[in-house]
Amino acid sequence: MLGKTGIAWEPPLWGLYPLDLEERMEVAIGAQTPQGEGMPGLEFEVLPGGLVAETLHIGSYGQLPLAYNALFAAIHERGLRPQAPVREAYLVGLAEAPQEELMTRLIIPIQESMA
């Protein structure tokens, strides 16, 4: 856990996910740290910038698929292509609020279609 590593970090915590969810998949959890901060055993990666589609979901984590469906539909309706990794920023988590008040920012990198 970052809190026990001694590394300074800034909220929110982030989740990075593949585009296609499977029964078993590799995900990453991260946080923003001051540039150059490092510690053996932890990987540091700078995520690329660029165009994204995003939405703010307020409610339980169990309802996230509804927000994702709407966001992916909006991306496809505009002729854009989603790119990995999909990012979730946990703005208000379970330790801070009841499930109906959780806030999760969903961010999907996008690319213009080569039609």
PDB file of N, CA and C in Angstrom:
ATOM      1  N   MET A   1       0.838  -1.174   0.000  1.00  0.00           N
ATOM      2  CA  MET A   1       0.000   0.000   0.000  1.00  0.00           C
ATOM      3  C   MET A   1       0.883   1.238   0.000  1.00  0.00           C
ATOM      4  N   LEU A   2       0.531   2.225  -0.766  1.00  0.00           N
ATOM      5  CA  LEU A   2       1.351   3.422  -0.889  1.00  0.00           C
ATOM      6  C   LEU A   2       1.537   4.127   0.448  1.00  0.00           C
ATOM      7  N   GLY A   3       0.527   4.110   1.288  1.00  0.00           N
ATOM      8  CA  GLY A   3       0.634   4.786   2.568  1.00  0.00           C
ATOM      9  C   GLY A   3       1.748   4.253   3.444  1.00  0.00           C
ATOM     10  N   LYS A   4       2.114   2.999   3.262  1.00  0.00           N
ATOM     11  CA  LYS A   4       3.156   2.377   4.075  1.00  0.00           C
ATOM     12  C   LYS A   4       4.516   2.371   3.383  1.00  0.00           C
ATOM     13  N   THR A   5       4.594   2.871   2.165  1.00  0.00           N
ATOM     14  CA  THR A   5       5.855   2.852   1.421  1.00  0.00           C
ATOM     15  C   THR A   5       6.750   4.031   1.733  1.00  0.00           C
ATOM     16  N   GLY A   6       6.167   5.085   2.268  1.00  0.00           N
ATOM     17  CA  GLY A   6       6.947   6.289   2.503  1.00  0.00           C
ATOM     18  C   GLY A   6       7.025   7.191   1.279  1.00  0.00           C
ATOM     19  N   ILE A   7       6.373   6.803   0.185  1.00  0.00           N
ATOM     20  CA  ILE A   7       6.370   7.609  -1.037  1.00  0.00           C
ATOM     21  C   ILE A   7       5.240   8.622  -0.948  1.00  0.00           C
ATOM     22  N   ALA A   8       5.566   9.868  -1.231  1.00  0.00           N
ATOM     23  CA  ALA A   8       4.531  10.898  -1.262  1.00  0.00           C
ATOM     24  C   ALA A   8       3.660  10.673  -2.497  1.00  0.00           C
ATOM     25  N   TRP A   9       2.359  10.777  -2.340  1.00  0.00           N
ATOM     26  CA  TRP A   9       1.453  10.634  -3.478  1.00  0.00           C
ATOM     27  C   TRP A   9       0.254  11.540  -3.259  1.00  0.00           C
ATOM     28  N   GLU A  10      -0.430  11.826  -4.356  1.00  0.00           N
ATOM     29  CA  GLU A  10      -1.588  12.710  -4.317  1.00  0.00           C
ATOM     30  C   GLU A  10      -2.838  11.937  -4.729  1.00  0.00           C
ATOM     31  N   PRO A  11      -3.942  12.122  -3.987  1.00  0.00           N
ATOM     32  CA  PRO A  11      -5.195  11.510  -4.426  1.00  0.00           C
ATOM     33  C   PRO A  11      -5.606  12.083  -5.775  1.00  0.00           C
ATOM     34  N   PRO A  12      -6.381  11.402  -6.544  1.00  0.00           N
ATOM     35  CA  PRO A  12      -7.074  10.156  -6.222  1.00  0.00           C
ATOM     36  C   PRO A  12      -6.226   8.937  -6.565  1.00  0.00           C
ATOM     37  N   LEU A  13      -6.691   7.790  -6.079  1.00  0.00           N
ATOM     38  CA  LEU A  13      -6.131   6.525  -6.549  1.00  0.00           C
ATOM     39  C   LEU A  13      -6.710   6.255  -7.928  1.00  0.00           C
ATOM     40  N   TRP A  14      -5.961   5.539  -8.750  1.00  0.00           N
ATOM     41  CA  TRP A  14      -6.365   5.246 -10.125  1.00  0.00           C
ATOM     42  C   TRP A  14      -6.393   3.740 -10.349  1.00  0.00           C
ATOM     43  N   GLY A  15      -7.294   3.305 -11.210  1.00  0.00           N
ATOM     44  CA  GLY A  15      -7.325   1.937 -11.701  1.00  0.00           C
ATOM     45  C   GLY A  15      -7.152   1.986 -13.210  1.00  0.00           C
ATOM     46  N   LEU A  16      -6.311   1.117 -13.754  1.00  0.00           N
ATOM     47  CA  LEU A  16      -6.089   1.022 -15.202  1.00  0.00           C
ATOM     48  C   LEU A  16      -6.546  -0.352 -15.649  1.00  0.00           C
ATOM     49  N   TYR A  17      -7.396  -0.381 -16.690  1.00  0.00           N
ATOM     50  CA  TYR A  17      -8.022  -1.613 -17.127  1.00  0.00           C
ATOM     51  C   TYR A  17      -7.884  -1.785 -18.633  1.00  0.00           C
ATOM     52  N   PRO A  18      -7.905  -3.044 -19.108  1.00  0.00           N
ATOM     53  CA  PRO A  18      -7.908  -3.266 -20.560  1.00  0.00           C
ATOM     54  C   PRO A  18      -9.271  -2.901 -21.142  1.00  0.00           C
ATOM     55  N   LEU A  19      -9.327  -2.753 -22.450  1.00  0.00           N
ATOM     56  CA  LEU A  19     -10.607  -2.456 -23.111  1.00  0.00           C
ATOM     57  C   LEU A  19     -11.571  -3.622 -23.006  1.00  0.00           C
ATOM     58  N   ASP A  20     -11.083  -4.827 -23.204  1.00  0.00           N
ATOM     59  CA  ASP A  20     -11.931  -6.019 -23.181  1.00  0.00           C
ATOM     60  C   ASP A  20     -11.790  -6.704 -21.834  1.00  0.00           C
ATOM     61  N   LEU A  21     -12.863  -6.673 -21.063  1.00  0.00           N
ATOM     62  CA  LEU A  21     -12.831  -7.306 -19.751  1.00  0.00           C
ATOM     63  C   LEU A  21     -13.059  -8.797 -19.909  1.00  0.00           C
ATOM     64  N   GLU A  22     -12.241  -9.559 -19.248  1.00  0.00           N
ATOM     65  CA  GLU A  22     -12.329 -11.016 -19.299  1.00  0.00           C
ATOM     66  C   GLU A  22     -12.439 -11.537 -17.874  1.00  0.00           C
ATOM     67  N   GLU A  23     -12.673 -12.848 -17.762  1.00  0.00           N
ATOM     68  CA  GLU A  23     -12.769 -13.433 -16.438  1.00  0.00           C
ATOM     69  C   GLU A  23     -11.480 -13.194 -15.652  1.00  0.00           C
ATOM     70  N   ARG A  24     -10.336 -13.347 -16.323  1.00  0.00           N
ATOM     71  CA  ARG A  24      -9.034 -13.052 -15.723  1.00  0.00           C
ATOM     72  C   ARG A  24      -8.386 -11.972 -16.562  1.00  0.00           C
ATOM     73  N   MET A  25      -7.931 -10.937 -15.912  1.00  0.00           N
ATOM     74  CA  MET A  25      -7.310  -9.842 -16.639  1.00  0.00           C
ATOM     75  C   MET A  25      -6.271  -9.173 -15.756  1.00  0.00           C
ATOM     76  N   GLU A  26      -5.364  -8.462 -16.386  1.00  0.00           N
ATOM     77  CA  GLU A  26      -4.359  -7.717 -15.655  1.00  0.00           C
ATOM     78  C   GLU A  26      -4.827  -6.281 -15.495  1.00  0.00           C
ATOM     79  N   VAL A  27      -4.821  -5.805 -14.268  1.00  0.00           N
ATOM     80  CA  VAL A  27      -5.179  -4.423 -13.983  1.00  0.00           C
ATOM     81  C   VAL A  27      -4.026  -3.800 -13.198  1.00  0.00           C
ATOM     82  N   ALA A  28      -3.996  -2.487 -13.156  1.00  0.00           N
ATOM     83  CA  ALA A  28      -2.983  -1.777 -12.384  1.00  0.00           C
ATOM     84  C   ALA A  28      -3.674  -0.752 -11.511  1.00  0.00           C
ATOM     85  N   ILE A  29      -3.117  -0.540 -10.351  1.00  0.00           N
ATOM     86  CA  ILE A  29      -3.601   0.488  -9.436  1.00  0.00           C
ATOM     87  C   ILE A  29      -2.465   1.482  -9.283  1.00  0.00           C
ATOM     88  N   GLY A  30      -2.808   2.772  -9.290  1.00  0.00           N
ATOM     89  CA  GLY A  30      -1.752   3.754  -9.200  1.00  0.00           C
ATOM     90  C   GLY A  30      -2.186   5.033  -8.536  1.00  0.00           C
ATOM     91  N   ALA A  31      -1.212   5.902  -8.383  1.00  0.00           N
ATOM     92  CA  ALA A  31      -1.434   7.230  -7.828  1.00  0.00           C
ATOM     93  C   ALA A  31      -0.384   8.153  -8.408  1.00  0.00           C
ATOM     94  N   GLN A  32      -0.699   9.432  -8.420  1.00  0.00           N
ATOM     95  CA  GLN A  32       0.256  10.421  -8.906  1.00  0.00           C
ATOM     96  C   GLN A  32       1.304  10.658  -7.829  1.00  0.00           C
ATOM     97  N   THR A  33       2.571  10.670  -8.242  1.00  0.00           N
ATOM     98  CA  THR A  33       3.665  10.925  -7.319  1.00  0.00           C
ATOM     99  C   THR A  33       4.523  12.056  -7.867  1.00  0.00           C
ATOM    100  N   PRO A  34       5.299  12.683  -7.004  1.00  0.00           N
ATOM    101  CA  PRO A  34       6.219  13.694  -7.521  1.00  0.00           C
ATOM    102  C   PRO A  34       7.175  13.054  -8.519  1.00  0.00           C
ATOM    103  N   GLN A  35       7.542  13.782  -9.551  1.00  0.00           N
ATOM    104  CA  GLN A  35       8.415  13.244 -10.595  1.00  0.00           C
ATOM    105  C   GLN A  35       9.732  12.785  -9.982  1.00  0.00           C
ATOM    106  N   GLY A  36      10.163  11.606 -10.414  1.00  0.00           N
ATOM    107  CA  GLY A  36      11.433  11.078  -9.935  1.00  0.00           C
ATOM    108  C   GLY A  36      11.329  10.249  -8.674  1.00  0.00           C
ATOM    109  N   GLU A  37      10.162  10.219  -8.032  1.00  0.00           N
ATOM    110  CA  GLU A  37      10.005   9.393  -6.830  1.00  0.00           C
ATOM    111  C   GLU A  37      10.037   7.931  -7.235  1.00  0.00           C
ATOM    112  N   GLY A  38      10.770   7.137  -6.533  1.00  0.00           N
ATOM    113  CA  GLY A  38      10.829   5.730  -6.851  1.00  0.00           C
ATOM    114  C   GLY A  38      11.081   4.899  -5.610  1.00  0.00           C
ATOM    115  N   MET A  39      10.821   3.615  -5.738  1.00  0.00           N
ATOM    116  CA  MET A  39      11.068   2.695  -4.639  1.00  0.00           C
ATOM    117  C   MET A  39      11.199   1.302  -5.218  1.00  0.00           C
ATOM    118  N   PRO A  40      12.183   0.540  -4.772  1.00  0.00           N
ATOM    119  CA  PRO A  40      12.327  -0.822  -5.283  1.00  0.00           C
ATOM    120  C   PRO A  40      11.055  -1.629  -5.082  1.00  0.00           C
ATOM    121  N   GLY A  41      10.692  -2.397  -6.096  1.00  0.00           N
ATOM    122  CA  GLY A  41       9.507  -3.245  -6.018  1.00  0.00           C
ATOM    123  C   GLY A  41       8.247  -2.613  -6.569  1.00  0.00           C
ATOM    124  N   LEU A  42       8.268  -1.298  -6.812  1.00  0.00           N
ATOM    125  CA  LEU A  42       7.118  -0.629  -7.395  1.00  0.00           C
ATOM    126  C   LEU A  42       7.478  -0.161  -8.790  1.00  0.00           C
ATOM    127  N   GLU A  43       6.527  -0.260  -9.706  1.00  0.00           N
ATOM    128  CA  GLU A  43       6.747   0.216 -11.068  1.00  0.00           C
ATOM    129  C   GLU A  43       6.194   1.621 -11.205  1.00  0.00           C
ATOM    130  N   PHE A  44       6.922   2.460 -11.934  1.00  0.00           N
ATOM    131  CA  PHE A  44       6.460   3.807 -12.199  1.00  0.00           C
ATOM    132  C   PHE A  44       6.303   3.973 -13.688  1.00  0.00           C
ATOM    133  N   GLU A  45       5.192   4.539 -14.083  1.00  0.00           N
ATOM    134  CA  GLU A  45       4.881   4.710 -15.496  1.00  0.00           C
ATOM    135  C   GLU A  45       4.207   6.060 -15.688  1.00  0.00           C
ATOM    136  N   VAL A  46       4.608   6.740 -16.744  1.00  0.00           N
ATOM    137  CA  VAL A  46       3.955   7.988 -17.109  1.00  0.00           C
ATOM    138  C   VAL A  46       2.952   7.652 -18.205  1.00  0.00           C
ATOM    139  N   LEU A  47       1.692   7.967 -17.960  1.00  0.00           N
ATOM    140  CA  LEU A  47       0.656   7.677 -18.951  1.00  0.00           C
ATOM    141  C   LEU A  47       0.668   8.763 -20.020  1.00  0.00           C
ATOM    142  N   PRO A  48       0.492   8.355 -21.269  1.00  0.00           N
ATOM    143  CA  PRO A  48       0.502   9.350 -22.339  1.00  0.00           C
ATOM    144  C   PRO A  48      -0.727  10.243 -22.284  1.00  0.00           C
ATOM    145  N   GLY A  49      -0.560  11.465 -22.744  1.00  0.00           N
ATOM    146  CA  GLY A  49      -1.680  12.385 -22.848  1.00  0.00           C
ATOM    147  C   GLY A  49      -2.381  12.190 -24.179  1.00  0.00           C
ATOM    148  N   GLY A  50      -3.399  12.950 -24.426  1.00  0.00           N
ATOM    149  CA  GLY A  50      -4.109  12.879 -25.694  1.00  0.00           C
ATOM    150  C   GLY A  50      -5.600  13.059 -25.500  1.00  0.00           C
ATOM    151  N   LEU A  51      -6.328  12.800 -26.566  1.00  0.00           N
ATOM    152  CA  LEU A  51      -7.778  12.927 -26.537  1.00  0.00           C
ATOM    153  C   LEU A  51      -8.404  11.834 -25.669  1.00  0.00           C
ATOM    154  N   VAL A  52      -9.422  12.213 -24.914  1.00  0.00           N
ATOM    155  CA  VAL A  52     -10.140  11.248 -24.086  1.00  0.00           C
ATOM    156  C   VAL A  52     -11.628  11.563 -24.117  1.00  0.00           C
ATOM    157  N   ALA A  53     -12.411  10.561 -23.801  1.00  0.00           N
ATOM    158  CA  ALA A  53     -13.830  10.733 -23.503  1.00  0.00           C
ATOM    159  C   ALA A  53     -13.958  10.389 -22.024  1.00  0.00           C
ATOM    160  N   GLU A  54     -14.732  11.176 -21.305  1.00  0.00           N
ATOM    161  CA  GLU A  54     -14.846  10.897 -19.880  1.00  0.00           C
ATOM    162  C   GLU A  54     -16.227  11.238 -19.357  1.00  0.00           C
ATOM    163  N   THR A  55     -16.542  10.643 -18.219  1.00  0.00           N
ATOM    164  CA  THR A  55     -17.788  10.933 -17.527  1.00  0.00           C
ATOM    165  C   THR A  55     -17.550  10.772 -16.040  1.00  0.00           C
ATOM    166  N   LEU A  56     -18.416  11.346 -15.244  1.00  0.00           N
ATOM    167  CA  LEU A  56     -18.351  11.213 -13.794  1.00  0.00           C
ATOM    168  C   LEU A  56     -19.520  10.350 -13.347  1.00  0.00           C
ATOM    169  N   HIS A  57     -19.213   9.248 -12.686  1.00  0.00           N
ATOM    170  CA  HIS A  57     -20.244   8.343 -12.172  1.00  0.00           C
ATOM    171  C   HIS A  57     -20.406   8.587 -10.681  1.00  0.00           C
ATOM    172  N   ILE A  58     -21.627   8.816 -10.257  1.00  0.00           N
ATOM    173  CA  ILE A  58     -21.922   8.945  -8.834  1.00  0.00           C
ATOM    174  C   ILE A  58     -22.842   7.795  -8.465  1.00  0.00           C
ATOM    175  N   GLY A  59     -22.363   6.945  -7.587  1.00  0.00           N
ATOM    176  CA  GLY A  59     -23.131   5.773  -7.178  1.00  0.00           C
ATOM    177  C   GLY A  59     -22.203   4.607  -6.919  1.00  0.00           C
ATOM    178  N   SER A  60     -22.789   3.449  -6.692  1.00  0.00           N
ATOM    179  CA  SER A  60     -22.019   2.265  -6.307  1.00  0.00           C
ATOM    180  C   SER A  60     -21.155   1.759  -7.466  1.00  0.00           C
ATOM    181  N   TYR A  61     -20.107   1.048  -7.099  1.00  0.00           N
ATOM    182  CA  TYR A  61     -19.233   0.446  -8.108  1.00  0.00           C
ATOM    183  C   TYR A  61     -19.991  -0.574  -8.948  1.00  0.00           C
ATOM    184  N   GLY A  62     -21.015  -1.186  -8.377  1.00  0.00           N
ATOM    185  CA  GLY A  62     -21.821  -2.150  -9.106  1.00  0.00           C
ATOM    186  C   GLY A  62     -22.577  -1.537 -10.276  1.00  0.00           C
ATOM    187  N   GLN A  63     -22.776  -0.226 -10.256  1.00  0.00           N
ATOM    188  CA  GLN A  63     -23.465   0.461 -11.341  1.00  0.00           C
ATOM    189  C   GLN A  63     -22.503   1.016 -12.398  1.00  0.00           C
ATOM    190  N   LEU A  64     -21.203   0.840 -12.224  1.00  0.00           N
ATOM    191  CA  LEU A  64     -20.233   1.343 -13.201  1.00  0.00           C
ATOM    192  C   LEU A  64     -20.470   0.828 -14.618  1.00  0.00           C
ATOM    193  N   PRO A  65     -20.880  -0.432 -14.813  1.00  0.00           N
ATOM    194  CA  PRO A  65     -21.120  -0.892 -16.186  1.00  0.00           C
ATOM    195  C   PRO A  65     -22.136  -0.035 -16.949  1.00  0.00           C
ATOM    196  N   LEU A  66     -23.120   0.522 -16.259  1.00  0.00           N
ATOM    197  CA  LEU A  66     -24.094   1.397 -16.924  1.00  0.00           C
ATOM    198  C   LEU A  66     -23.417   2.660 -17.451  1.00  0.00           C
ATOM    199  N   ALA A  67     -22.545   3.243 -16.646  1.00  0.00           N
ATOM    200  CA  ALA A  67     -21.822   4.443 -17.071  1.00  0.00           C
ATOM    201  C   ALA A  67     -20.875   4.118 -18.218  1.00  0.00           C
ATOM    202  N   TYR A  68     -20.208   2.965 -18.143  1.00  0.00           N
ATOM    203  CA  TYR A  68     -19.316   2.555 -19.229  1.00  0.00           C
ATOM    204  C   TYR A  68     -20.084   2.339 -20.526  1.00  0.00           C
ATOM    205  N   ASN A  69     -21.237   1.684 -20.444  1.00  0.00           N
ATOM    206  CA  ASN A  69     -22.031   1.453 -21.658  1.00  0.00           C
ATOM    207  C   ASN A  69     -22.394   2.765 -22.332  1.00  0.00           C
ATOM    208  N   ALA A  70     -22.813   3.756 -21.547  1.00  0.00           N
ATOM    209  CA  ALA A  70     -23.175   5.058 -22.111  1.00  0.00           C
ATOM    210  C   ALA A  70     -21.957   5.753 -22.705  1.00  0.00           C
ATOM    211  N   LEU A  71     -20.813   5.665 -22.041  1.00  0.00           N
ATOM    212  CA  LEU A  71     -19.606   6.326 -22.535  1.00  0.00           C
ATOM    213  C   LEU A  71     -19.105   5.661 -23.818  1.00  0.00           C
ATOM    214  N   PHE A  72     -19.077   4.335 -23.860  1.00  0.00           N
ATOM    215  CA  PHE A  72     -18.662   3.639 -25.085  1.00  0.00           C
ATOM    216  C   PHE A  72     -19.631   3.926 -26.236  1.00  0.00           C
ATOM    217  N   ALA A  73     -20.928   4.003 -25.940  1.00  0.00           N
ATOM    218  CA  ALA A  73     -21.906   4.325 -26.983  1.00  0.00           C
ATOM    219  C   ALA A  73     -21.635   5.713 -27.556  1.00  0.00           C
ATOM    220  N   ALA A  74     -21.351   6.688 -26.695  1.00  0.00           N
ATOM    221  CA  ALA A  74     -21.057   8.054 -27.160  1.00  0.00           C
ATOM    222  C   ALA A  74     -19.791   8.080 -28.017  1.00  0.00           C
ATOM    223  N   ILE A  75     -18.800   7.299 -27.646  1.00  0.00           N
ATOM    224  CA  ILE A  75     -17.548   7.233 -28.420  1.00  0.00           C
ATOM    225  C   ILE A  75     -17.838   6.680 -29.816  1.00  0.00           C
ATOM    226  N   HIS A  76     -18.552   5.562 -29.884  1.00  0.00           N
ATOM    227  CA  HIS A  76     -18.835   4.919 -31.173  1.00  0.00           C
ATOM    228  C   HIS A  76     -19.765   5.767 -32.039  1.00  0.00           C
ATOM    229  N   GLU A  77     -20.728   6.452 -31.427  1.00  0.00           N
ATOM    230  CA  GLU A  77     -21.643   7.317 -32.184  1.00  0.00           C
ATOM    231  C   GLU A  77     -20.900   8.442 -32.897  1.00  0.00           C
ATOM    232  N   ARG A  78     -19.780   8.854 -32.355  1.00  0.00           N
ATOM    233  CA  ARG A  78     -18.994   9.937 -32.944  1.00  0.00           C
ATOM    234  C   ARG A  78     -17.912   9.422 -33.895  1.00  0.00           C
ATOM    235  N   GLY A  79     -17.915   8.122 -34.139  1.00  0.00           N
ATOM    236  CA  GLY A  79     -16.949   7.533 -35.058  1.00  0.00           C
ATOM    237  C   GLY A  79     -15.538   7.491 -34.511  1.00  0.00           C
ATOM    238  N   LEU A  80     -15.401   7.467 -33.189  1.00  0.00           N
ATOM    239  CA  LEU A  80     -14.083   7.424 -32.550  1.00  0.00           C
ATOM    240  C   LEU A  80     -13.761   5.993 -32.126  1.00  0.00           C
ATOM    241  N   ARG A  81     -12.483   5.741 -31.879  1.00  0.00           N
ATOM    242  CA  ARG A  81     -12.049   4.412 -31.439  1.00  0.00           C
ATOM    243  C   ARG A  81     -11.466   4.495 -30.036  1.00  0.00           C
ATOM    244  N   PRO A  82     -11.971   3.676 -29.106  1.00  0.00           N
ATOM    245  CA  PRO A  82     -11.413   3.663 -27.748  1.00  0.00           C
ATOM    246  C   PRO A  82     -10.035   3.009 -27.748  1.00  0.00           C
ATOM    247  N   GLN A  83      -9.183   3.471 -26.843  1.00  0.00           N
ATOM    248  CA  GLN A  83      -7.831   2.942 -26.698  1.00  0.00           C
ATOM    249  C   GLN A  83      -7.622   2.519 -25.242  1.00  0.00           C
ATOM    250  N   ALA A  84      -6.710   1.606 -25.030  1.00  0.00           N
ATOM    251  CA  ALA A  84      -6.378   1.169 -23.671  1.00  0.00           C
ATOM    252  C   ALA A  84      -5.179   1.976 -23.176  1.00  0.00           C
ATOM    253  N   PRO A  85      -4.986   2.081 -21.892  1.00  0.00           N
ATOM    254  CA  PRO A  85      -5.839   1.543 -20.842  1.00  0.00           C
ATOM    255  C   PRO A  85      -6.980   2.492 -20.491  1.00  0.00           C
ATOM    256  N   VAL A  86      -8.093   1.879 -20.122  1.00  0.00           N
ATOM    257  CA  VAL A  86      -9.219   2.627 -19.587  1.00  0.00           C
ATOM    258  C   VAL A  86      -8.821   3.003 -18.165  1.00  0.00           C
ATOM    259  N   ARG A  87      -9.174   4.213 -17.764  1.00  0.00           N
ATOM    260  CA  ARG A  87      -8.738   4.711 -16.453  1.00  0.00           C
ATOM    261  C   ARG A  87      -9.934   5.048 -15.582  1.00  0.00           C
ATOM    262  N   GLU A  88      -9.835   4.694 -14.325  1.00  0.00           N
ATOM    263  CA  GLU A  88     -10.825   5.091 -13.334  1.00  0.00           C
ATOM    264  C   GLU A  88     -10.096   5.875 -12.255  1.00  0.00           C
ATOM    265  N   ALA A  89     -10.622   7.043 -11.913  1.00  0.00           N
ATOM    266  CA  ALA A  89     -10.098   7.836 -10.803  1.00  0.00           C
ATOM    267  C   ALA A  89     -11.146   7.786  -9.696  1.00  0.00           C
ATOM    268  N   TYR A  90     -10.749   7.291  -8.539  1.00  0.00           N
ATOM    269  CA  TYR A  90     -11.674   7.122  -7.415  1.00  0.00           C
ATOM    270  C   TYR A  90     -11.652   8.399  -6.575  1.00  0.00           C
ATOM    271  N   LEU A  91     -12.556   9.318  -6.899  1.00  0.00           N
ATOM    272  CA  LEU A  91     -12.569  10.639  -6.281  1.00  0.00           C
ATOM    273  C   LEU A  91     -13.122  10.619  -4.862  1.00  0.00           C
ATOM    274  N   VAL A  92     -14.180   9.844  -4.642  1.00  0.00           N
ATOM    275  CA  VAL A  92     -14.757   9.634  -3.312  1.00  0.00           C
ATOM    276  C   VAL A  92     -14.943   8.130  -3.173  1.00  0.00           C
ATOM    277  N   GLY A  93     -14.257   7.533  -2.204  1.00  0.00           N
ATOM    278  CA  GLY A  93     -14.266   6.085  -2.055  1.00  0.00           C
ATOM    279  C   GLY A  93     -15.095   5.604  -0.879  1.00  0.00           C
ATOM    280  N   LEU A  94     -15.082   4.293  -0.697  1.00  0.00           N
ATOM    281  CA  LEU A  94     -15.893   3.651   0.342  1.00  0.00           C
ATOM    282  C   LEU A  94     -15.561   4.129   1.747  1.00  0.00           C
ATOM    283  N   ALA A  95     -14.321   4.515   2.000  1.00  0.00           N
ATOM    284  CA  ALA A  95     -13.944   4.987   3.330  1.00  0.00           C
ATOM    285  C   ALA A  95     -14.477   6.392   3.608  1.00  0.00           C
ATOM    286  N   GLU A  96     -14.950   7.061   2.555  1.00  0.00           N
ATOM    287  CA  GLU A  96     -15.359   8.461   2.701  1.00  0.00           C
ATOM    288  C   GLU A  96     -16.861   8.705   2.605  1.00  0.00           C
ATOM    289  N   ALA A  97     -17.595   7.771   2.030  1.00  0.00           N
ATOM    290  CA  ALA A  97     -19.018   8.020   1.783  1.00  0.00           C
ATOM    291  C   ALA A  97     -19.768   6.705   1.610  1.00  0.00           C
ATOM    292  N   PRO A  98     -21.093   6.747   1.774  1.00  0.00           N
ATOM    293  CA  PRO A  98     -21.889   5.547   1.480  1.00  0.00           C
ATOM    294  C   PRO A  98     -21.872   5.259  -0.024  1.00  0.00           C
ATOM    295  N   GLN A  99     -22.231   4.027  -0.389  1.00  0.00           N
ATOM    296  CA  GLN A  99     -22.142   3.586  -1.788  1.00  0.00           C
ATOM    297  C   GLN A  99     -22.855   4.507  -2.770  1.00  0.00           C
ATOM    298  N   GLU A 100     -24.004   5.035  -2.407  1.00  0.00           N
ATOM    299  CA  GLU A 100     -24.749   5.879  -3.343  1.00  0.00           C
ATOM    300  C   GLU A 100     -24.067   7.232  -3.577  1.00  0.00           C
ATOM    301  N   GLU A 101     -23.042   7.575  -2.792  1.00  0.00           N
ATOM    302  CA  GLU A 101     -22.338   8.843  -2.942  1.00  0.00           C
ATOM    303  C   GLU A 101     -20.908   8.686  -3.462  1.00  0.00           C
ATOM    304  N   LEU A 102     -20.515   7.469  -3.828  1.00  0.00           N
ATOM    305  CA  LEU A 102     -19.174   7.268  -4.383  1.00  0.00           C
ATOM    306  C   LEU A 102     -19.048   8.053  -5.676  1.00  0.00           C
ATOM    307  N   MET A 103     -17.860   8.591  -5.954  1.00  0.00           N
ATOM    308  CA  MET A 103     -17.622   9.337  -7.194  1.00  0.00           C
ATOM    309  C   MET A 103     -16.431   8.725  -7.917  1.00  0.00           C
ATOM    310  N   THR A 104     -16.673   8.288  -9.150  1.00  0.00           N
ATOM    311  CA  THR A 104     -15.640   7.664  -9.962  1.00  0.00           C
ATOM    312  C   THR A 104     -15.605   8.350 -11.324  1.00  0.00           C
ATOM    313  N   ARG A 105     -14.459   8.844 -11.672  1.00  0.00           N
ATOM    314  CA  ARG A 105     -14.271   9.471 -12.991  1.00  0.00           C
ATOM    315  C   ARG A 105     -13.793   8.389 -13.955  1.00  0.00           C
ATOM    316  N   LEU A 106     -14.532   8.174 -15.039  1.00  0.00           N
ATOM    317  CA  LEU A 106     -14.186   7.185 -16.052  1.00  0.00           C
ATOM    318  C   LEU A 106     -13.550   7.917 -17.228  1.00  0.00           C
ATOM    319  N   ILE A 107     -12.376   7.474 -17.637  1.00  0.00           N
ATOM    320  CA  ILE A 107     -11.623   8.135 -18.692  1.00  0.00           C
ATOM    321  C   ILE A 107     -11.195   7.084 -19.720  1.00  0.00           C
ATOM    322  N   ILE A 108     -11.582   7.296 -20.970  1.00  0.00           N
ATOM    323  CA  ILE A 108     -11.214   6.372 -22.042  1.00  0.00           C
ATOM    324  C   ILE A 108     -10.439   7.155 -23.094  1.00  0.00           C
ATOM    325  N   PRO A 109      -9.162   6.831 -23.277  1.00  0.00           N
ATOM    326  CA  PRO A 109      -8.415   7.472 -24.376  1.00  0.00           C
ATOM    327  C   PRO A 109      -9.092   7.137 -25.711  1.00  0.00           C
ATOM    328  N   ILE A 110      -9.131   8.093 -26.603  1.00  0.00           N
ATOM    329  CA  ILE A 110      -9.786   7.873 -27.898  1.00  0.00           C
ATOM    330  C   ILE A 110      -8.868   8.281 -29.039  1.00  0.00           C
ATOM    331  N   GLN A 111      -9.184   7.752 -30.186  1.00  0.00           N
ATOM    332  CA  GLN A 111      -8.458   8.054 -31.411  1.00  0.00           C
ATOM    333  C   GLN A 111      -9.486   8.247 -32.509  1.00  0.00           C
ATOM    334  N   GLU A 112      -9.228   9.216 -33.383  1.00  0.00           N
ATOM    335  CA  GLU A 112     -10.152   9.410 -34.494  1.00  0.00           C
ATOM    336  C   GLU A 112     -10.057   8.229 -35.433  1.00  0.00           C
ATOM    337  N   SER A 113     -11.199   7.781 -35.933  1.00  0.00           N
ATOM    338  CA  SER A 113     -11.229   6.630 -36.835  1.00  0.00           C
ATOM    339  C   SER A 113     -10.573   6.946 -38.155  1.00  0.00           C
ATOM    340  N   MET A 114      -9.913   5.972 -38.712  1.00  0.00           N
ATOM    341  CA  MET A 114      -9.287   6.091 -40.018  1.00  0.00           C
ATOM    342  C   MET A 114     -10.234   5.529 -41.052  1.00  0.00           C
ATOM    343  N   ALA A 115     -11.346   6.215 -41.295  1.00  0.00           N
ATOM    344  CA  ALA A 115     -12.385   5.700 -42.213  1.00  0.00           C
ATOM    345  C   ALA A 115     -12.069   5.996 -43.652  1.00  0.00           C
TER     346      ALA A 115
END
